[in-house]
Amino acid sequence: MLDHAWARRPWPGEDYAIPFGKAKFVAEGNDATIVTWGGMVDRCQEAAEGFSVDVIDLRTLVPWDREAVLNSVTRTHRCLIVHEDLQIAGFGGEIVPHDQMRLAIA
């Protein structure tokens, strides 16, 4: 999917760097949290239009910005994790089982 035209981005240049472990909020709201990365970021941002939701682009998975996610989910009490991957064993399964996440949703 990353080779599709909708997933391509212009080359940002040699000096471009993503801060490891620092997520980026691409939309902000109060009703739910969408956690995503990679090719799904734009799709989630489009899907969130007209709704009051946080859309969080993790940008890096190791490490992932646990603090940004937990702060958002603690505030919204709802979390949707969206990623493209195999039908089983995707990285989303690494986010959900944390005790802090269960407490934030409760």
N, C-alpha and C. Protein backbone atom coordinates (compact mmCIF):
# COMPACT_ATOMS: atom_id res chain seq x y z
N MET A 1 0.81 -1.19 0.00
CA MET A 1 0.00 0.00 0.00
C MET A 1 0.86 1.26 0.00
N LEU A 2 2.05 1.18 0.54
CA LEU A 2 2.87 2.39 0.63
C LEU A 2 3.39 2.85 -0.72
N ASP A 3 3.24 2.02 -1.75
CA ASP A 3 3.68 2.42 -3.08
C ASP A 3 2.57 3.10 -3.88
N HIS A 4 1.38 3.21 -3.31
CA HIS A 4 0.30 3.89 -3.99
C HIS A 4 0.55 5.40 -4.00
N ALA A 5 0.01 6.07 -4.98
CA ALA A 5 0.22 7.51 -5.12
C ALA A 5 -0.23 8.28 -3.89
N TRP A 6 -1.34 7.87 -3.24
CA TRP A 6 -1.84 8.61 -2.08
C TRP A 6 -0.89 8.51 -0.89
N ALA A 7 -0.02 7.52 -0.87
CA ALA A 7 0.90 7.35 0.26
C ALA A 7 2.25 8.02 0.03
N ARG A 8 2.52 8.51 -1.14
CA ARG A 8 3.82 9.10 -1.45
C ARG A 8 3.91 10.54 -0.95
N ARG A 9 5.09 10.92 -0.53
CA ARG A 9 5.35 12.27 -0.06
C ARG A 9 6.58 12.80 -0.77
N PRO A 10 6.68 14.11 -0.92
CA PRO A 10 7.91 14.66 -1.52
C PRO A 10 9.10 14.43 -0.61
N TRP A 11 10.28 14.30 -1.19
CA TRP A 11 11.50 14.12 -0.44
C TRP A 11 11.75 15.35 0.41
N PRO A 12 11.86 15.22 1.74
CA PRO A 12 11.98 16.39 2.60
C PRO A 12 13.39 16.99 2.64
N GLY A 13 14.36 16.31 2.08
CA GLY A 13 15.73 16.83 2.09
C GLY A 13 16.61 16.11 3.09
N GLU A 14 17.88 16.29 2.96
CA GLU A 14 18.87 15.59 3.79
C GLU A 14 18.80 15.97 5.26
N ASP A 15 18.39 17.19 5.57
CA ASP A 15 18.42 17.65 6.95
C ASP A 15 17.16 17.30 7.74
N TYR A 16 16.19 16.68 7.09
CA TYR A 16 14.93 16.35 7.77
C TYR A 16 15.14 15.19 8.74
N ALA A 17 14.64 15.34 9.94
CA ALA A 17 14.73 14.27 10.95
C ALA A 17 13.45 14.22 11.75
N ILE A 18 13.01 13.04 12.06
CA ILE A 18 11.83 12.84 12.90
C ILE A 18 12.34 12.56 14.31
N PRO A 19 11.81 13.26 15.30
CA PRO A 19 12.25 12.96 16.67
C PRO A 19 11.73 11.59 17.12
N PHE A 20 12.63 10.71 17.48
CA PHE A 20 12.24 9.37 17.88
C PHE A 20 11.41 9.41 19.16
N GLY A 21 10.31 8.67 19.14
CA GLY A 21 9.46 8.56 20.32
C GLY A 21 8.59 9.76 20.59
N LYS A 22 8.44 10.65 19.61
CA LYS A 22 7.61 11.86 19.79
C LYS A 22 6.50 11.86 18.76
N ALA A 23 5.27 11.62 19.21
CA ALA A 23 4.12 11.59 18.32
C ALA A 23 3.73 13.00 17.89
N LYS A 24 2.92 13.06 16.83
CA LYS A 24 2.43 14.34 16.32
C LYS A 24 0.90 14.29 16.27
N PHE A 25 0.26 15.30 16.86
CA PHE A 25 -1.20 15.39 16.78
C PHE A 25 -1.54 16.05 15.45
N VAL A 26 -2.23 15.32 14.57
CA VAL A 26 -2.60 15.89 13.27
C VAL A 26 -4.03 16.41 13.29
N ALA A 27 -4.78 16.08 14.33
CA ALA A 27 -6.11 16.65 14.58
C ALA A 27 -6.33 16.59 16.08
N GLU A 28 -7.13 17.51 16.60
CA GLU A 28 -7.39 17.53 18.03
C GLU A 28 -8.88 17.63 18.29
N GLY A 29 -9.32 16.90 19.30
CA GLY A 29 -10.72 16.90 19.68
C GLY A 29 -10.91 16.30 21.05
N ASN A 30 -12.17 16.06 21.42
CA ASN A 30 -12.48 15.63 22.78
C ASN A 30 -13.23 14.31 22.89
N ASP A 31 -13.76 13.80 21.79
CA ASP A 31 -14.67 12.66 21.88
C ASP A 31 -14.00 11.29 21.76
N ALA A 32 -12.85 11.21 21.12
CA ALA A 32 -12.17 9.92 20.93
C ALA A 32 -10.73 10.18 20.52
N THR A 33 -9.93 9.12 20.59
CA THR A 33 -8.53 9.17 20.18
C THR A 33 -8.31 8.15 19.09
N ILE A 34 -7.71 8.56 17.99
CA ILE A 34 -7.30 7.64 16.93
C ILE A 34 -5.78 7.63 16.93
N VAL A 35 -5.21 6.45 17.11
CA VAL A 35 -3.75 6.27 17.10
C VAL A 35 -3.40 5.57 15.79
N THR A 36 -2.48 6.15 15.03
CA THR A 36 -2.14 5.61 13.73
C THR A 36 -0.71 5.96 13.36
N TRP A 37 -0.25 5.46 12.22
CA TRP A 37 1.09 5.77 11.71
C TRP A 37 1.15 5.35 10.26
N GLY A 38 2.17 5.83 9.58
CA GLY A 38 2.42 5.42 8.20
C GLY A 38 1.33 5.84 7.24
N GLY A 39 0.99 4.93 6.34
CA GLY A 39 0.04 5.23 5.28
C GLY A 39 -1.38 5.49 5.74
N MET A 40 -1.70 5.18 6.97
CA MET A 40 -3.06 5.37 7.47
C MET A 40 -3.31 6.76 8.06
N VAL A 41 -2.26 7.54 8.25
CA VAL A 41 -2.42 8.86 8.88
C VAL A 41 -3.37 9.74 8.08
N ASP A 42 -3.12 9.89 6.79
CA ASP A 42 -3.99 10.75 5.97
C ASP A 42 -5.41 10.22 5.92
N ARG A 43 -5.56 8.91 5.83
CA ARG A 43 -6.90 8.33 5.78
C ARG A 43 -7.66 8.58 7.09
N CYS A 44 -6.97 8.46 8.21
CA CYS A 44 -7.61 8.73 9.50
C CYS A 44 -7.96 10.20 9.65
N GLN A 45 -7.08 11.05 9.16
CA GLN A 45 -7.33 12.49 9.23
C GLN A 45 -8.57 12.83 8.39
N GLU A 46 -8.69 12.25 7.22
CA GLU A 46 -9.87 12.47 6.39
C GLU A 46 -11.12 11.92 7.06
N ALA A 47 -11.03 10.74 7.63
CA ALA A 47 -12.19 10.12 8.29
C ALA A 47 -12.63 10.92 9.51
N ALA A 48 -11.71 11.61 10.16
CA ALA A 48 -12.01 12.36 11.37
C ALA A 48 -12.63 13.73 11.09
N GLU A 49 -12.61 14.17 9.83
CA GLU A 49 -13.18 15.48 9.51
C GLU A 49 -14.64 15.55 9.94
N GLY A 50 -14.99 16.60 10.62
CA GLY A 50 -16.35 16.79 11.09
C GLY A 50 -16.61 16.17 12.46
N PHE A 51 -15.61 15.51 13.03
CA PHE A 51 -15.73 14.91 14.35
C PHE A 51 -14.71 15.54 15.29
N SER A 52 -15.00 15.51 16.56
CA SER A 52 -14.09 16.05 17.56
C SER A 52 -13.22 14.93 18.11
N VAL A 53 -12.14 14.61 17.39
CA VAL A 53 -11.26 13.52 17.80
C VAL A 53 -9.80 13.94 17.71
N ASP A 54 -8.98 13.33 18.58
CA ASP A 54 -7.54 13.44 18.45
C ASP A 54 -7.09 12.40 17.44
N VAL A 55 -6.30 12.81 16.47
CA VAL A 55 -5.64 11.86 15.57
C VAL A 55 -4.16 11.98 15.85
N ILE A 56 -3.58 10.90 16.34
CA ILE A 56 -2.17 10.90 16.74
C ILE A 56 -1.37 10.06 15.75
N ASP A 57 -0.39 10.69 15.12
CA ASP A 57 0.56 10.00 14.25
C ASP A 57 1.75 9.63 15.12
N LEU A 58 1.93 8.34 15.40
CA LEU A 58 3.04 7.92 16.26
C LEU A 58 4.40 8.26 15.67
N ARG A 59 4.54 8.23 14.36
CA ARG A 59 5.76 8.51 13.61
C ARG A 59 6.87 7.49 13.85
N THR A 60 7.11 7.06 15.06
CA THR A 60 8.06 5.98 15.32
C THR A 60 7.38 4.96 16.23
N LEU A 61 7.73 3.69 16.03
CA LEU A 61 7.13 2.63 16.83
C LEU A 61 8.05 2.14 17.94
N VAL A 62 9.34 2.28 17.74
CA VAL A 62 10.31 1.89 18.76
C VAL A 62 11.30 3.02 18.94
N PRO A 63 11.11 3.86 19.92
CA PRO A 63 10.04 3.85 20.92
C PRO A 63 8.78 4.54 20.40
N TRP A 64 7.64 4.20 20.97
CA TRP A 64 6.39 4.90 20.65
C TRP A 64 6.05 5.83 21.80
N ASP A 65 5.33 6.89 21.48
CA ASP A 65 5.04 7.96 22.45
C ASP A 65 3.87 7.55 23.35
N ARG A 66 4.17 6.70 24.32
CA ARG A 66 3.16 6.19 25.25
C ARG A 66 2.48 7.34 26.00
N GLU A 67 3.26 8.33 26.40
CA GLU A 67 2.71 9.45 27.17
C GLU A 67 1.65 10.22 26.40
N ALA A 68 1.91 10.54 25.14
CA ALA A 68 0.93 11.28 24.33
C ALA A 68 -0.36 10.48 24.16
N VAL A 69 -0.21 9.19 23.90
CA VAL A 69 -1.39 8.33 23.71
C VAL A 69 -2.19 8.23 25.00
N LEU A 70 -1.53 7.92 26.11
CA LEU A 70 -2.24 7.77 27.37
C LEU A 70 -2.89 9.07 27.83
N ASN A 71 -2.23 10.20 27.63
CA ASN A 71 -2.83 11.49 27.99
C ASN A 71 -4.10 11.74 27.20
N SER A 72 -4.06 11.44 25.90
CA SER A 72 -5.23 11.65 25.06
C SER A 72 -6.37 10.70 25.45
N VAL A 73 -6.04 9.42 25.62
CA VAL A 73 -7.08 8.44 25.95
C VAL A 73 -7.64 8.68 27.34
N THR A 74 -6.83 9.14 28.26
CA THR A 74 -7.33 9.49 29.60
C THR A 74 -8.37 10.60 29.50
N ARG A 75 -8.16 11.51 28.58
CA ARG A 75 -9.10 12.63 28.39
C ARG A 75 -10.36 12.21 27.63
N THR A 76 -10.21 11.38 26.56
CA THR A 76 -11.36 11.04 25.72
C THR A 76 -12.07 9.75 26.15
N HIS A 77 -11.38 8.87 26.82
CA HIS A 77 -11.90 7.57 27.27
C HIS A 77 -12.28 6.64 26.13
N ARG A 78 -11.83 6.93 24.93
CA ARG A 78 -12.10 6.08 23.77
C ARG A 78 -10.86 6.05 22.89
N CYS A 79 -10.54 4.85 22.37
CA CYS A 79 -9.34 4.74 21.55
C CYS A 79 -9.58 3.79 20.39
N LEU A 80 -9.19 4.24 19.21
CA LEU A 80 -9.22 3.42 18.00
C LEU A 80 -7.80 3.39 17.46
N ILE A 81 -7.27 2.20 17.27
CA ILE A 81 -5.93 2.05 16.73
C ILE A 81 -6.06 1.58 15.30
N VAL A 82 -5.50 2.35 14.37
CA VAL A 82 -5.64 2.06 12.94
C VAL A 82 -4.26 1.89 12.33
N HIS A 83 -4.04 0.73 11.70
CA HIS A 83 -2.77 0.51 11.02
C HIS A 83 -2.96 -0.50 9.90
N GLU A 84 -2.07 -0.44 8.95
CA GLU A 84 -2.08 -1.45 7.90
C GLU A 84 -1.06 -2.50 8.28
N ASP A 85 -1.46 -3.74 8.26
CA ASP A 85 -0.56 -4.80 8.66
C ASP A 85 -1.21 -6.13 8.30
N LEU A 86 -0.61 -7.17 8.76
CA LEU A 86 -1.18 -8.49 8.59
C LEU A 86 -2.46 -8.59 9.40
N GLN A 87 -3.20 -9.64 9.17
CA GLN A 87 -4.46 -9.79 9.91
C GLN A 87 -4.23 -10.06 11.39
N ILE A 88 -3.07 -10.57 11.73
CA ILE A 88 -2.75 -10.82 13.13
C ILE A 88 -1.35 -10.29 13.43
N ALA A 89 -1.07 -10.08 14.68
CA ALA A 89 0.26 -9.73 15.16
C ALA A 89 0.78 -8.38 14.69
N GLY A 90 -0.08 -7.40 14.52
CA GLY A 90 0.37 -6.07 14.16
C GLY A 90 0.82 -5.30 15.39
N PHE A 91 1.45 -4.15 15.19
CA PHE A 91 1.97 -3.36 16.30
C PHE A 91 0.85 -2.83 17.20
N GLY A 92 -0.34 -2.67 16.66
CA GLY A 92 -1.47 -2.22 17.50
C GLY A 92 -1.67 -3.10 18.71
N GLY A 93 -1.35 -4.38 18.57
CA GLY A 93 -1.46 -5.30 19.69
C GLY A 93 -0.44 -5.03 20.79
N GLU A 94 0.57 -4.22 20.50
CA GLU A 94 1.55 -3.84 21.52
C GLU A 94 1.06 -2.64 22.32
N ILE A 95 0.13 -1.88 21.79
CA ILE A 95 -0.38 -0.69 22.46
C ILE A 95 -1.50 -1.03 23.43
N VAL A 96 -2.42 -1.86 22.99
CA VAL A 96 -3.64 -2.13 23.75
C VAL A 96 -3.43 -2.77 25.11
N PRO A 97 -2.55 -3.75 25.28
CA PRO A 97 -2.55 -4.49 26.55
C PRO A 97 -1.96 -3.78 27.76
N HIS A 98 -1.49 -2.59 27.65
CA HIS A 98 -0.89 -1.90 28.78
C HIS A 98 -1.95 -1.56 29.83
N ASP A 99 -1.61 -1.80 31.09
CA ASP A 99 -2.55 -1.52 32.19
C ASP A 99 -3.00 -0.07 32.19
N GLN A 100 -2.08 0.84 31.89
CA GLN A 100 -2.44 2.26 31.88
C GLN A 100 -3.50 2.54 30.82
N MET A 101 -3.43 1.84 29.68
CA MET A 101 -4.42 2.05 28.63
C MET A 101 -5.79 1.58 29.11
N ARG A 102 -5.85 0.45 29.75
CA ARG A 102 -7.14 -0.04 30.25
C ARG A 102 -7.72 0.93 31.28
N LEU A 103 -6.87 1.47 32.14
CA LEU A 103 -7.35 2.44 33.14
C LEU A 103 -7.81 3.73 32.48
N ALA A 104 -7.14 4.16 31.43
CA ALA A 104 -7.50 5.40 30.75
C ALA A 104 -8.85 5.29 30.07
N ILE A 105 -9.16 4.11 29.52
CA ILE A 105 -10.42 3.91 28.81
C ILE A 105 -11.56 3.76 29.79
N ALA A 106 -11.31 3.19 30.95
CA ALA A 106 -12.37 2.90 31.94
C ALA A 106 -13.08 4.14 32.41
